Amino acid sequence: MGELSKKIGDDGEKLIRNFLAMIGWERALENISIACMRPQKHATENQIKGRQTHGIDLLFPQKKQLEDFRAEHVIMSVKFSQKAYPKSPSSTFKGYITDLAHTIECYKNSDAHRESLRGLTDTKEVNSESFVGVLFWLTSEKSSDQDIISKISNANIPSSLKFETIQVVDNNRAQFIYNSLAAAKRIFPTDNISFNYTRYSDNFTDRNIPTHGLSMPSEFFGIR
């Protein structure tokens, strides 16, 4: 029961889609519903009978560029508001992270996961998987402080949550990536903008990983 269109409306959906296209993620699937594997543990206060489903706003499976023989499933949650970021965001952030972590946990045992893995054209070259969450927390309020990440960096995340990595993309970080790619496009208007897949110890063995490509590694969301 994905809720992308409900949460951000047509303009917000277009913004996210344009952003994903810029980073080579235009093939991302949207509005995917998966069954909840832990109905009582994952239930919210309003779900008295337990949780039945999770909604994935956007899903992007790909073969990782910075690790050998590894598939990556990027599970994205989009939170878009016309209001300014909250002055005390820790409680809201905890709710967002908890929901996304629970979704990732159940995605691992879902039909959507199995279908995504089969959909990778080079599945035979994959011997491990990574499950990455990306939380897009965006506001259209221009007067708002555009940086929410610095305010949640010390937030207490429940130790019971099971996830590998969750990247947070706020206005500030999204704008940095957008401006960087837009500047490159202005300088080289007729060329495709590629991302560098630097060779190092973790991706040295898999020679099918190119040195560069159109798809941005999810790790780049953490670059400042």
Foldseek 3Di string as FASTA:
>chain_A
DFCVCVQQNDVRVVVVLVLCVQQVQNVKDAFDKWFQPWFVVLDDPPCPVGDGIATFGTWGWDAFQQAFQEIEIEGEDEHEEQDAADPQCLVVVLVVVSSQLSNQVRCVVTPVVVVSLVPYPPNVRHDYYFYEYEYEHEYPHPVHDQDCCVNNVPRDHDPPRDHDYYFYHTRVLSVVVVVVSVVVCVVVVVDQDKDASDDDDRHPPHPVNDRIGSHDGPVCSPPD
